[in-house]
Amino acid sequence: MDRILDLKGLQCPLPVLRARKALLALGPGEVIVVLATDPAARDDFPRFCSEAGHVLEEASEAGGVLTFRLRKGKL
């Protein structure tokens, strides 16, 4: 079962910072699902994953909620 991190209502840069902190607690290959409502997250999460070595497996939006499925890299 994936861990879910509900960051709805938080504004940039808090969603990425909180997701980064949560990923630190995970082992390589583990997954976290992030829920966010800040439109900036559409750009922030792909950039964060690319720069930090994580994999953005899925990004979607429904009802104003952005969902990102992140797999921790092997760092």
Protein backbone atom coordinates (compact mmCIF):
# COMPACT_ATOMS: atom_id res chain seq x y z
CA MET A 1 0.00 0.00 0.00
CA ASP A 2 1.37 3.41 -0.98
CA ARG A 3 1.90 6.14 1.58
CA ILE A 4 -0.28 9.17 0.94
CA LEU A 5 0.90 12.67 1.77
CA ASP A 6 -2.00 15.14 1.77
CA LEU A 7 -0.57 18.59 1.06
CA LYS A 8 -3.74 20.20 -0.23
CA GLY A 9 -3.98 23.90 0.62
CA LEU A 10 -0.22 24.43 0.93
CA GLN A 11 1.48 26.91 -1.40
CA CYS A 12 4.86 26.69 -3.15
CA PRO A 13 7.44 25.69 -2.02
CA LEU A 14 5.87 23.80 0.90
CA PRO A 15 4.47 20.81 -1.05
CA VAL A 16 7.87 19.94 -2.52
CA LEU A 17 9.68 20.57 0.78
CA ARG A 18 7.28 18.31 2.69
CA ALA A 19 7.49 15.61 0.01
CA ARG A 20 11.29 15.81 0.12
CA LYS A 21 11.23 15.29 3.88
CA ALA A 22 8.84 12.33 3.56
CA LEU A 23 11.05 10.72 0.89
CA LEU A 24 14.05 10.92 3.21
CA ALA A 25 12.30 8.47 5.52
CA LEU A 26 11.72 5.95 2.71
CA GLY A 27 14.03 3.31 1.32
CA PRO A 28 15.11 3.25 -2.34
CA GLY A 29 12.27 2.18 -4.62
CA GLU A 30 9.52 2.95 -2.11
CA VAL A 31 6.56 5.02 -3.28
CA ILE A 32 4.72 8.03 -1.93
CA VAL A 33 1.56 9.57 -3.38
CA VAL A 34 1.33 13.33 -2.98
CA LEU A 35 -1.95 15.27 -3.12
CA ALA A 36 -1.63 19.00 -3.79
CA THR A 37 -3.79 21.91 -4.90
CA ASP A 38 -1.15 24.54 -5.69
CA PRO A 39 -1.01 24.96 -9.50
CA ALA A 40 2.76 25.51 -9.28
CA ALA A 41 3.11 21.87 -8.24
CA ARG A 42 2.54 20.86 -11.89
CA ASP A 43 6.01 22.21 -12.67
CA ASP A 44 7.64 21.80 -9.26
CA PHE A 45 7.31 18.04 -8.83
CA PRO A 46 8.71 16.97 -12.23
CA ARG A 47 11.66 19.35 -11.71
CA PHE A 48 12.22 18.15 -8.14
CA CYS A 49 12.21 14.48 -9.16
CA SER A 50 14.57 15.10 -12.05
CA GLU A 51 17.03 17.06 -9.92
CA ALA A 52 16.85 14.77 -6.87
CA GLY A 53 17.04 11.45 -8.74
CA HIS A 54 13.51 10.27 -7.97
CA VAL A 55 11.00 8.95 -10.49
CA LEU A 56 7.71 10.71 -11.15
CA GLU A 57 5.66 7.66 -12.11
CA GLU A 58 2.34 9.41 -12.52
CA ALA A 59 0.85 12.89 -12.46
CA SER A 60 -2.86 13.54 -12.75
CA GLU A 61 -5.52 16.07 -11.84
CA ALA A 62 -9.14 15.59 -10.81
CA GLY A 63 -11.47 18.08 -9.17
CA GLY A 64 -8.69 20.61 -8.65
CA VAL A 65 -6.48 18.11 -6.81
CA LEU A 66 -3.12 17.23 -8.32
CA THR A 67 -1.85 13.72 -7.62
CA PHE A 68 1.80 12.75 -7.98
CA ARG A 69 3.16 9.24 -7.56
CA LEU A 70 6.84 9.45 -6.63
CA ARG A 71 9.28 6.54 -6.42
CA LYS A 72 12.37 7.21 -4.33
CA GLY A 73 15.60 7.00 -6.28
CA LYS A 74 18.64 4.98 -5.27
CA LEU A 75 20.44 7.91 -3.68
